[in-house]
Amino acid sequence: MTKLITFNELRRIKDNLPTGSMQHIADKLNVNVETVRNYFGGTNYEKGGAVGFHVEQGPDGGVVTLDDTTILDLATEMITKSGELV
């Protein structure tokens, strides 16, 4: 499922993840942790894969189109369970 989100909102979600969450998401999805980091705006494509992350310039960091929300859904669930606010 495709989702539109601002880049800054995506970064806020990343910043609110509990310690070790990126590795946990990577392990759960059987992908490299750099692929998860790329999902949140990283650019290490030598070690991590592409993730269907498309940015259009604009206010609030621009608009990001995510082709698949699986990583975002897991991240949001982890934040909710940890009691952090996004």
Protein backbone atom coordinates (compact mmCIF):
# COMPACT_ATOMS: atom_id res chain seq x y z
CA MET A 1 0.00 0.00 0.00
CA THR A 2 1.37 3.43 -0.97
CA LYS A 3 1.53 6.21 1.63
CA LEU A 4 2.35 9.92 1.44
CA ILE A 5 4.18 11.40 4.44
CA THR A 6 6.39 14.44 4.94
CA PHE A 7 10.09 13.78 5.18
CA ASN A 8 10.24 15.51 8.56
CA GLU A 9 7.38 13.36 9.88
CA LEU A 10 9.19 10.23 8.73
CA ARG A 11 12.36 11.41 10.50
CA ARG A 12 10.40 12.14 13.69
CA ILE A 13 9.14 8.55 13.66
CA LYS A 14 12.71 7.29 13.20
CA ASP A 15 13.94 9.51 16.02
CA ASN A 16 11.26 8.17 18.39
CA LEU A 17 12.14 4.52 17.82
CA PRO A 18 13.44 2.74 20.91
CA THR A 19 17.11 1.73 20.88
CA GLY A 20 17.74 -1.34 18.74
CA SER A 21 14.47 -1.00 16.81
CA MET A 22 16.05 -0.74 13.37
CA GLN A 23 17.92 -4.00 13.89
CA HIS A 24 14.76 -5.63 15.28
CA ILE A 25 12.76 -4.54 12.20
CA ALA A 26 15.55 -5.77 9.90
CA ASP A 27 15.64 -9.15 11.65
CA LYS A 28 11.86 -9.51 11.54
CA LEU A 29 11.76 -8.75 7.80
CA ASN A 30 14.98 -10.63 7.01
CA VAL A 31 16.65 -7.59 5.44
CA ASN A 32 19.90 -5.73 6.10
CA VAL A 33 19.65 -3.04 8.79
CA GLU A 34 20.95 -0.52 6.24
CA THR A 35 17.84 -1.20 4.16
CA VAL A 36 15.71 -0.15 7.14
CA ARG A 37 17.85 2.98 7.59
CA ASN A 38 17.42 3.76 3.89
CA TYR A 39 13.65 3.60 4.42
CA PHE A 40 13.97 6.46 6.90
CA GLY A 41 16.06 8.59 4.56
CA GLY A 42 19.47 6.93 4.63
CA THR A 43 21.45 6.50 1.43
CA ASN A 44 23.72 3.52 2.02
CA TYR A 45 22.84 1.48 -1.06
CA GLU A 46 26.13 -0.44 -1.04
CA LYS A 47 25.08 -2.38 2.06
CA GLY A 48 21.33 -1.78 2.09
CA GLY A 49 18.72 -2.12 -0.58
CA ALA A 50 16.37 0.34 -2.19
CA VAL A 51 13.03 0.60 -0.44
CA GLY A 52 10.58 2.43 -2.69
CA PHE A 53 11.27 5.83 -1.16
CA HIS A 54 10.47 8.76 -3.48
CA VAL A 55 10.92 12.40 -2.39
CA GLU A 56 9.33 15.46 -3.93
CA GLN A 57 10.79 18.78 -2.74
CA GLY A 58 8.50 20.99 -0.69
CA PRO A 59 7.76 22.37 2.78
CA ASP A 60 8.43 20.30 5.91
CA GLY A 61 11.27 18.48 4.17
CA GLY A 62 9.19 17.57 1.14
CA VAL A 63 6.70 14.82 0.52
CA VAL A 64 7.81 11.20 0.58
CA THR A 65 5.91 8.48 -1.25
CA LEU A 66 6.45 5.09 0.36
CA ASP A 67 5.64 2.18 -1.94
CA ASP A 68 5.25 -0.24 0.99
CA THR A 69 4.30 0.68 4.56
CA THR A 70 5.48 -2.53 6.26
CA ILE A 71 8.54 -0.91 7.88
CA LEU A 72 6.56 2.20 8.84
CA ASP A 73 3.80 0.07 10.36
CA LEU A 74 6.30 -1.93 12.43
CA ALA A 75 8.04 1.26 13.57
CA THR A 76 4.76 2.89 14.60
CA GLU A 77 3.75 -0.25 16.48
CA MET A 78 7.08 -0.31 18.34
CA ILE A 79 6.75 3.34 19.31
CA THR A 80 3.20 2.77 20.56
CA LYS A 81 4.30 -0.22 22.64
CA SER A 82 7.23 1.71 24.13
CA GLY A 83 4.93 4.56 25.19
CA GLU A 84 6.78 7.21 23.17
CA LEU A 85 4.81 9.90 21.39
CA VAL A 86 5.34 10.55 17.69
